[in-house]
Amino acid sequence: MFDTLSPDRLSQAITHAIAPAFVLGACAGFISILSTRLEIIMARLRAITALPDGHAKAHLKADVPRLRRRAKLTNQAILFAVISGAI
């Protein structure tokens, strides 16, 4: 009625059962790194936009469009990483 599992087939079954867990762990680690980067970008963006116009470092406001683009791209990367982990 049941086939006895050979050690090779049992090893293969365990490998197939454990592999998705490693992939999900890698996706979770990558998402964690990306979310930390997004926090850093947003903190810098908030700090720069809070500077008054007469401040000595007001020239950094020219960096705002680049930071917004980086935030958008990082947000999209997080989205795609979540989707890749769900598939």
PDB file of N, CA and C in Angstrom:
ATOM      1  N   MET A   1       0.819  -1.184   0.000  1.00  0.00           N
ATOM      2  CA  MET A   1       0.000   0.000   0.000  1.00  0.00           C
ATOM      3  C   MET A   1       0.868   1.255   0.000  1.00  0.00           C
ATOM      4  N   PHE A   2       1.810   1.370   0.923  1.00  0.00           N
ATOM      5  CA  PHE A   2       2.716   2.507   0.976  1.00  0.00           C
ATOM      6  C   PHE A   2       4.093   2.050   0.546  1.00  0.00           C
ATOM      7  N   ASP A   3       4.735   2.903  -0.223  1.00  0.00           N
ATOM      8  CA  ASP A   3       6.125   2.622  -0.582  1.00  0.00           C
ATOM      9  C   ASP A   3       7.019   3.034   0.582  1.00  0.00           C
ATOM     10  N   THR A   4       7.973   2.200   0.865  1.00  0.00           N
ATOM     11  CA  THR A   4       8.938   2.601   1.889  1.00  0.00           C
ATOM     12  C   THR A   4       9.866   3.643   1.295  1.00  0.00           C
ATOM     13  N   LEU A   5      10.148   4.637   2.099  1.00  0.00           N
ATOM     14  CA  LEU A   5      11.016   5.712   1.636  1.00  0.00           C
ATOM     15  C   LEU A   5      12.472   5.310   1.818  1.00  0.00           C
ATOM     16  N   SER A   6      13.204   5.448   0.759  1.00  0.00           N
ATOM     17  CA  SER A   6      14.643   5.236   0.861  1.00  0.00           C
ATOM     18  C   SER A   6      15.262   6.488   1.476  1.00  0.00           C
ATOM     19  N   PRO A   7      16.460   6.388   2.010  1.00  0.00           N
ATOM     20  CA  PRO A   7      17.093   7.586   2.590  1.00  0.00           C
ATOM     21  C   PRO A   7      17.250   8.717   1.575  1.00  0.00           C
ATOM     22  N   ASP A   8      17.482   8.377   0.305  1.00  0.00           N
ATOM     23  CA  ASP A   8      17.620   9.426  -0.714  1.00  0.00           C
ATOM     24  C   ASP A   8      16.305  10.165  -0.940  1.00  0.00           C
ATOM     25  N   ARG A   9      15.206   9.423  -0.987  1.00  0.00           N
ATOM     26  CA  ARG A   9      13.901  10.065  -1.201  1.00  0.00           C
ATOM     27  C   ARG A   9      13.481  10.872   0.019  1.00  0.00           C
ATOM     28  N   LEU A  10      13.812  10.359   1.196  1.00  0.00           N
ATOM     29  CA  LEU A  10      13.500  11.094   2.413  1.00  0.00           C
ATOM     30  C   LEU A  10      14.304  12.394   2.477  1.00  0.00           C
ATOM     31  N   SER A  11      15.569  12.326   2.117  1.00  0.00           N
ATOM     32  CA  SER A  11      16.413  13.522   2.080  1.00  0.00           C
ATOM     33  C   SER A  11      15.875  14.536   1.085  1.00  0.00           C
ATOM     34  N   GLN A  12      15.435  14.057  -0.062  1.00  0.00           N
ATOM     35  CA  GLN A  12      14.887  14.957  -1.075  1.00  0.00           C
ATOM     36  C   GLN A  12      13.587  15.589  -0.586  1.00  0.00           C
ATOM     37  N   ALA A  13      12.743  14.825   0.092  1.00  0.00           N
ATOM     38  CA  ALA A  13      11.482  15.368   0.619  1.00  0.00           C
ATOM     39  C   ALA A  13      11.747  16.445   1.667  1.00  0.00           C
ATOM     40  N   ILE A  14      12.727  16.216   2.532  1.00  0.00           N
ATOM     41  CA  ILE A  14      13.068  17.213   3.551  1.00  0.00           C
ATOM     42  C   ILE A  14      13.626  18.473   2.902  1.00  0.00           C
ATOM     43  N   THR A  15      14.463  18.290   1.886  1.00  0.00           N
ATOM     44  CA  THR A  15      15.029  19.436   1.179  1.00  0.00           C
ATOM     45  C   THR A  15      13.937  20.279   0.532  1.00  0.00           C
ATOM     46  N   HIS A  16      12.969  19.624  -0.096  1.00  0.00           N
ATOM     47  CA  HIS A  16      11.872  20.355  -0.741  1.00  0.00           C
ATOM     48  C   HIS A  16      10.977  21.046   0.287  1.00  0.00           C
ATOM     49  N   ALA A  17      10.891  20.492   1.477  1.00  0.00           N
ATOM     50  CA  ALA A  17      10.046  21.102   2.503  1.00  0.00           C
ATOM     51  C   ALA A  17      10.743  22.291   3.169  1.00  0.00           C
ATOM     52  N   ILE A  18      12.064  22.252   3.283  1.00  0.00           N
ATOM     53  CA  ILE A  18      12.799  23.296   3.995  1.00  0.00           C
ATOM     54  C   ILE A  18      13.198  24.457   3.091  1.00  0.00           C
ATOM     55  N   ALA A  19      13.390  24.219   1.813  1.00  0.00           N
ATOM     56  CA  ALA A  19      13.875  25.258   0.894  1.00  0.00           C
ATOM     57  C   ALA A  19      13.032  26.541   0.910  1.00  0.00           C
ATOM     58  N   PRO A  20      11.704  26.450   0.905  1.00  0.00           N
ATOM     59  CA  PRO A  20      10.931  27.706   0.938  1.00  0.00           C
ATOM     60  C   PRO A  20      11.179  28.534   2.195  1.00  0.00           C
ATOM     61  N   ALA A  21      11.476  27.879   3.297  1.00  0.00           N
ATOM     62  CA  ALA A  21      11.746  28.628   4.528  1.00  0.00           C
ATOM     63  C   ALA A  21      13.014  29.464   4.387  1.00  0.00           C
ATOM     64  N   PHE A  22      14.032  28.924   3.730  1.00  0.00           N
ATOM     65  CA  PHE A  22      15.261  29.689   3.524  1.00  0.00           C
ATOM     66  C   PHE A  22      15.023  30.865   2.582  1.00  0.00           C
ATOM     67  N   VAL A  23      14.210  30.665   1.566  1.00  0.00           N
ATOM     68  CA  VAL A  23      13.910  31.749   0.625  1.00  0.00           C
ATOM     69  C   VAL A  23      13.137  32.853   1.341  1.00  0.00           C
ATOM     70  N   LEU A  24      12.159  32.476   2.155  1.00  0.00           N
ATOM     71  CA  LEU A  24      11.394  33.485   2.896  1.00  0.00           C
ATOM     72  C   LEU A  24      12.274  34.216   3.903  1.00  0.00           C
ATOM     73  N   GLY A  25      13.203  33.511   4.518  1.00  0.00           N
ATOM     74  CA  GLY A  25      14.138  34.155   5.440  1.00  0.00           C
ATOM     75  C   GLY A  25      15.021  35.166   4.732  1.00  0.00           C
ATOM     76  N   ALA A  26      15.476  34.811   3.534  1.00  0.00           N
ATOM     77  CA  ALA A  26      16.303  35.734   2.753  1.00  0.00           C
ATOM     78  C   ALA A  26      15.491  36.959   2.333  1.00  0.00           C
ATOM     79  N   CYS A  27      14.253  36.744   1.915  1.00  0.00           N
ATOM     80  CA  CYS A  27      13.390  37.875   1.536  1.00  0.00           C
ATOM     81  C   CYS A  27      13.134  38.779   2.745  1.00  0.00           C
ATOM     82  N   ALA A  28      12.903  38.189   3.901  1.00  0.00           N
ATOM     83  CA  ALA A  28      12.654  38.985   5.107  1.00  0.00           C
ATOM     84  C   ALA A  28      13.891  39.809   5.479  1.00  0.00           C
ATOM     85  N   GLY A  29      15.064  39.220   5.364  1.00  0.00           N
ATOM     86  CA  GLY A  29      16.292  39.962   5.648  1.00  0.00           C
ATOM     87  C   GLY A  29      16.497  41.113   4.686  1.00  0.00           C
ATOM     88  N   PHE A  30      16.220  40.865   3.412  1.00  0.00           N
ATOM     89  CA  PHE A  30      16.371  41.906   2.396  1.00  0.00           C
ATOM     90  C   PHE A  30      15.373  43.036   2.628  1.00  0.00           C
ATOM     91  N   ILE A  31      14.141  42.688   2.972  1.00  0.00           N
ATOM     92  CA  ILE A  31      13.126  43.702   3.253  1.00  0.00           C
ATOM     93  C   ILE A  31      13.512  44.518   4.484  1.00  0.00           C
ATOM     94  N   SER A  32      14.094  43.874   5.467  1.00  0.00           N
ATOM     95  CA  SER A  32      14.552  44.581   6.665  1.00  0.00           C
ATOM     96  C   SER A  32      15.625  45.605   6.317  1.00  0.00           C
ATOM     97  N   ILE A  33      16.569  45.213   5.476  1.00  0.00           N
ATOM     98  CA  ILE A  33      17.626  46.140   5.048  1.00  0.00           C
ATOM     99  C   ILE A  33      17.026  47.311   4.273  1.00  0.00           C
ATOM    100  N   LEU A  34      16.113  47.005   3.359  1.00  0.00           N
ATOM    101  CA  LEU A  34      15.495  48.066   2.563  1.00  0.00           C
ATOM    102  C   LEU A  34      14.679  49.029   3.427  1.00  0.00           C
ATOM    103  N   SER A  35      13.956  48.500   4.403  1.00  0.00           N
ATOM    104  CA  SER A  35      13.150  49.390   5.250  1.00  0.00           C
ATOM    105  C   SER A  35      14.039  50.275   6.118  1.00  0.00           C
ATOM    106  N   THR A  36      15.178  49.752   6.556  1.00  0.00           N
ATOM    107  CA  THR A  36      16.119  50.577   7.305  1.00  0.00           C
ATOM    108  C   THR A  36      16.669  51.694   6.428  1.00  0.00           C
ATOM    109  N   ARG A  37      17.001  51.364   5.189  1.00  0.00           N
ATOM    110  CA  ARG A  37      17.485  52.390   4.252  1.00  0.00           C
ATOM    111  C   ARG A  37      16.415  53.453   4.008  1.00  0.00           C
ATOM    112  N   LEU A  38      15.162  53.020   3.874  1.00  0.00           N
ATOM    113  CA  LEU A  38      14.076  53.973   3.658  1.00  0.00           C
ATOM    114  C   LEU A  38      13.914  54.896   4.864  1.00  0.00           C
ATOM    115  N   GLU A  39      14.044  54.367   6.068  1.00  0.00           N
ATOM    116  CA  GLU A  39      13.976  55.204   7.276  1.00  0.00           C
ATOM    117  C   GLU A  39      15.077  56.263   7.274  1.00  0.00           C
ATOM    118  N   ILE A  40      16.285  55.876   6.877  1.00  0.00           N
ATOM    119  CA  ILE A  40      17.407  56.810   6.841  1.00  0.00           C
ATOM    120  C   ILE A  40      17.153  57.907   5.808  1.00  0.00           C
ATOM    121  N   ILE A  41      16.667  57.510   4.636  1.00  0.00           N
ATOM    122  CA  ILE A  41      16.371  58.483   3.579  1.00  0.00           C
ATOM    123  C   ILE A  41      15.304  59.466   4.043  1.00  0.00           C
ATOM    124  N   MET A  42      14.244  58.943   4.659  1.00  0.00           N
ATOM    125  CA  MET A  42      13.152  59.811   5.097  1.00  0.00           C
ATOM    126  C   MET A  42      13.595  60.736   6.233  1.00  0.00           C
ATOM    127  N   ALA A  43      14.430  60.244   7.130  1.00  0.00           N
ATOM    128  CA  ALA A  43      14.922  61.100   8.219  1.00  0.00           C
ATOM    129  C   ALA A  43      15.768  62.238   7.662  1.00  0.00           C
ATOM    130  N   ARG A  44      16.603  61.923   6.691  1.00  0.00           N
ATOM    131  CA  ARG A  44      17.427  62.975   6.088  1.00  0.00           C
ATOM    132  C   ARG A  44      16.557  63.974   5.328  1.00  0.00           C
ATOM    133  N   LEU A  45      15.555  63.472   4.629  1.00  0.00           N
ATOM    134  CA  LEU A  45      14.647  64.344   3.889  1.00  0.00           C
ATOM    135  C   LEU A  45      13.902  65.282   4.836  1.00  0.00           C
ATOM    136  N   ARG A  46      13.431  64.739   5.964  1.00  0.00           N
ATOM    137  CA  ARG A  46      12.738  65.582   6.946  1.00  0.00           C
ATOM    138  C   ARG A  46      13.674  66.637   7.533  1.00  0.00           C
ATOM    139  N   ALA A  47      14.903  66.240   7.814  1.00  0.00           N
ATOM    140  CA  ALA A  47      15.865  67.178   8.399  1.00  0.00           C
ATOM    141  C   ALA A  47      16.197  68.303   7.434  1.00  0.00           C
ATOM    142  N   ILE A  48      16.346  67.972   6.163  1.00  0.00           N
ATOM    143  CA  ILE A  48      16.686  68.995   5.168  1.00  0.00           C
ATOM    144  C   ILE A  48      15.515  69.939   4.935  1.00  0.00           C
ATOM    145  N   THR A  49      14.309  69.393   4.846  1.00  0.00           N
ATOM    146  CA  THR A  49      13.153  70.265   4.589  1.00  0.00           C
ATOM    147  C   THR A  49      12.817  71.123   5.803  1.00  0.00           C
ATOM    148  N   ALA A  50      13.271  70.749   6.988  1.00  0.00           N
ATOM    149  CA  ALA A  50      13.000  71.543   8.187  1.00  0.00           C
ATOM    150  C   ALA A  50      13.949  72.730   8.330  1.00  0.00           C
ATOM    151  N   LEU A  51      15.004  72.768   7.527  1.00  0.00           N
ATOM    152  CA  LEU A  51      15.965  73.872   7.615  1.00  0.00           C
ATOM    153  C   LEU A  51      15.327  75.167   7.123  1.00  0.00           C
ATOM    154  N   PRO A  52      15.538  76.265   7.846  1.00  0.00           N
ATOM    155  CA  PRO A  52      15.035  77.548   7.342  1.00  0.00           C
ATOM    156  C   PRO A  52      15.857  77.996   6.128  1.00  0.00           C
ATOM    157  N   ASP A  53      15.300  78.875   5.337  1.00  0.00           N
ATOM    158  CA  ASP A  53      15.961  79.309   4.106  1.00  0.00           C
ATOM    159  C   ASP A  53      17.275  80.032   4.368  1.00  0.00           C
ATOM    160  N   GLY A  54      17.399  80.744   5.445  1.00  0.00           N
ATOM    161  CA  GLY A  54      18.611  81.495   5.727  1.00  0.00           C
ATOM    162  C   GLY A  54      19.690  80.668   6.411  1.00  0.00           C
ATOM    163  N   HIS A  55      19.418  79.430   6.663  1.00  0.00           N
ATOM    164  CA  HIS A  55      20.379  78.579   7.384  1.00  0.00           C
ATOM    165  C   HIS A  55      21.631  78.349   6.541  1.00  0.00           C
ATOM    166  N   ALA A  56      22.762  78.122   7.218  1.00  0.00           N
ATOM    167  CA  ALA A  56      24.044  77.943   6.514  1.00  0.00           C
ATOM    168  C   ALA A  56      24.041  76.702   5.616  1.00  0.00           C
ATOM    169  N   LYS A  57      23.246  75.712   5.961  1.00  0.00           N
ATOM    170  CA  LYS A  57      23.208  74.485   5.152  1.00  0.00           C
ATOM    171  C   LYS A  57      21.965  74.421   4.269  1.00  0.00           C
ATOM    172  N   ALA A  58      21.385  75.564   3.972  1.00  0.00           N
ATOM    173  CA  ALA A  58      20.189  75.606   3.135  1.00  0.00           C
ATOM    174  C   ALA A  58      20.475  75.138   1.713  1.00  0.00           C
ATOM    175  N   HIS A  59      21.751  75.123   1.303  1.00  0.00           N
ATOM    176  CA  HIS A  59      22.097  74.646  -0.037  1.00  0.00           C
ATOM    177  C   HIS A  59      21.805  73.151  -0.196  1.00  0.00           C
ATOM    178  N   LEU A  60      21.608  72.457   0.917  1.00  0.00           N
ATOM    179  CA  LEU A  60      21.283  71.032   0.844  1.00  0.00           C
ATOM    180  C   LEU A  60      19.879  70.786   0.298  1.00  0.00           C
ATOM    181  N   LYS A  61      19.051  71.821   0.262  1.00  0.00           N
ATOM    182  CA  LYS A  61      17.696  71.663  -0.262  1.00  0.00           C
ATOM    183  C   LYS A  61      17.688  71.287  -1.735  1.00  0.00           C
ATOM    184  N   ALA A  62      18.804  71.512  -2.420  1.00  0.00           N
ATOM    185  CA  ALA A  62      18.904  71.085  -3.819  1.00  0.00           C
ATOM    186  C   ALA A  62      18.943  69.556  -3.914  1.00  0.00           C
ATOM    187  N   ASP A  63      19.217  68.887  -2.789  1.00  0.00           N
ATOM    188  CA  ASP A  63      19.297  67.428  -2.742  1.00  0.00           C
ATOM    189  C   ASP A  63      17.925  66.769  -2.553  1.00  0.00           C
ATOM    190  N   VAL A  64      16.889  67.555  -2.285  1.00  0.00           N
ATOM    191  CA  VAL A  64      15.556  67.025  -1.987  1.00  0.00           C
ATOM    192  C   VAL A  64      14.981  66.186  -3.133  1.00  0.00           C
ATOM    193  N   PRO A  65      15.028  66.624  -4.392  1.00  0.00           N
ATOM    194  CA  PRO A  65      14.468  65.775  -5.460  1.00  0.00           C
ATOM    195  C   PRO A  65      15.160  64.412  -5.573  1.00  0.00           C
ATOM    196  N   ARG A  66      16.476  64.392  -5.367  1.00  0.00           N
ATOM    197  CA  ARG A  66      17.202  63.124  -5.426  1.00  0.00           C
ATOM    198  C   ARG A  66      16.786  62.204  -4.284  1.00  0.00           C
ATOM    199  N   LEU A  67      16.612  62.771  -3.106  1.00  0.00           N
ATOM    200  CA  LEU A  67      16.189  61.968  -1.960  1.00  0.00           C
ATOM    201  C   LEU A  67      14.773  61.432  -2.148  1.00  0.00           C
ATOM    202  N   ARG A  68      13.908  62.255  -2.718  1.00  0.00           N
ATOM    203  CA  ARG A  68      12.534  61.783  -2.983  1.00  0.00           C
ATOM    204  C   ARG A  68      12.535  60.637  -3.987  1.00  0.00           C
ATOM    205  N   ARG A  69      13.384  60.735  -5.003  1.00  0.00           N
ATOM    206  CA  ARG A  69      13.490  59.651  -5.988  1.00  0.00           C
ATOM    207  C   ARG A  69      14.035  58.380  -5.344  1.00  0.00           C
ATOM    208  N   ARG A  70      15.048  58.535  -4.485  1.00  0.00           N
ATOM    209  CA  ARG A  70      15.596  57.370  -3.784  1.00  0.00           C
ATOM    210  C   ARG A  70      14.540  56.721  -2.898  1.00  0.00           C
ATOM    211  N   ALA A  71      13.729  57.535  -2.221  1.00  0.00           N
ATOM    212  CA  ALA A  71      12.668  57.007  -1.364  1.00  0.00           C
ATOM    213  C   ALA A  71      11.636  56.242  -2.188  1.00  0.00           C
ATOM    214  N   LYS A  72      11.278  56.799  -3.344  1.00  0.00           N
ATOM    215  CA  LYS A  72      10.296  56.136  -4.201  1.00  0.00           C
ATOM    216  C   LYS A  72      10.849  54.803  -4.715  1.00  0.00           C
ATOM    217  N   LEU A  73      12.095  54.799  -5.160  1.00  0.00           N
ATOM    218  CA  LEU A  73      12.694  53.563  -5.668  1.00  0.00           C
ATOM    219  C   LEU A  73      12.859  52.517  -4.568  1.00  0.00           C
ATOM    220  N   THR A  74      13.220  52.953  -3.377  1.00  0.00           N
ATOM    221  CA  THR A  74      13.358  52.019  -2.261  1.00  0.00           C
ATOM    222  C   THR A  74      12.004  51.446  -1.871  1.00  0.00           C
ATOM    223  N   ASN A  75      10.980  52.271  -1.904  1.00  0.00           N
ATOM    224  CA  ASN A  75       9.629  51.800  -1.609  1.00  0.00           C
ATOM    225  C   ASN A  75       9.186  50.758  -2.637  1.00  0.00           C
ATOM    226  N   GLN A  76       9.476  50.993  -3.905  1.00  0.00           N
ATOM    227  CA  GLN A  76       9.143  50.018  -4.944  1.00  0.00           C
ATOM    228  C   GLN A  76       9.937  48.726  -4.769  1.00  0.00           C
ATOM    229  N   ALA A  77      11.195  48.849  -4.345  1.00  0.00           N
ATOM    230  CA  ALA A  77      12.013  47.659  -4.101  1.00  0.00           C
ATOM    231  C   ALA A  77      11.425  46.825  -2.972  1.00  0.00           C
ATOM    232  N   ILE A  78      10.916  47.482  -1.934  1.00  0.00           N
ATOM    233  CA  ILE A  78      10.267  46.761  -0.839  1.00  0.00           C
ATOM    234  C   ILE A  78       9.027  46.045  -1.349  1.00  0.00           C
ATOM    235  N   LEU A  79       8.241  46.722  -2.159  1.00  0.00           N
ATOM    236  CA  LEU A  79       7.043  46.112  -2.732  1.00  0.00           C
ATOM    237  C   LEU A  79       7.393  44.867  -3.542  1.00  0.00           C
ATOM    238  N   PHE A  80       8.382  44.974  -4.405  1.00  0.00           N
ATOM    239  CA  PHE A  80       8.764  43.838  -5.233  1.00  0.00           C
ATOM    240  C   PHE A  80       9.357  42.699  -4.406  1.00  0.00           C
ATOM    241  N   ALA A  81      10.077  43.019  -3.343  1.00  0.00           N
ATOM    242  CA  ALA A  81      10.626  41.984  -2.469  1.00  0.00           C
ATOM    243  C   ALA A  81       9.507  41.250  -1.741  1.00  0.00           C
ATOM    244  N   VAL A  82       8.488  41.978  -1.308  1.00  0.00           N
ATOM    245  CA  VAL A  82       7.344  41.339  -0.658  1.00  0.00           C
ATOM    246  C   VAL A  82       6.611  40.437  -1.639  1.00  0.00           C
ATOM    247  N   ILE A  83       6.424  40.908  -2.859  1.00  0.00           N
ATOM    248  CA  ILE A  83       5.748  40.107  -3.876  1.00  0.00           C
ATOM    249  C   ILE A  83       6.563  38.852  -4.193  1.00  0.00           C
ATOM    250  N   SER A  84       7.877  38.988  -4.280  1.00  0.00           N
ATOM    251  CA  SER A  84       8.701  37.818  -4.587  1.00  0.00           C
ATOM    252  C   SER A  84       8.667  36.796  -3.466  1.00  0.00           C
ATOM    253  N   GLY A  85       8.510  37.244  -2.236  1.00  0.00           N
ATOM    254  CA  GLY A  85       8.406  36.308  -1.122  1.00  0.00           C
ATOM    255  C   GLY A  85       7.055  35.625  -1.073  1.00  0.00           C
ATOM    256  N   ALA A  86       6.033  36.278  -1.622  1.00  0.00           N
ATOM    257  CA  ALA A  86       4.690  35.712  -1.592  1.00  0.00           C
ATOM    258  C   ALA A  86       4.435  34.705  -2.700  1.00  0.00           C
ATOM    259  N   ILE A  87       5.254  34.765  -3.734  1.00  0.00           N
ATOM    260  CA  ILE A  87       5.030  33.866  -4.878  1.00  0.00           C
ATOM    261  C   ILE A  87       5.639  32.527  -4.633  1.00  0.00           C
TER     262      ILE A  87
END
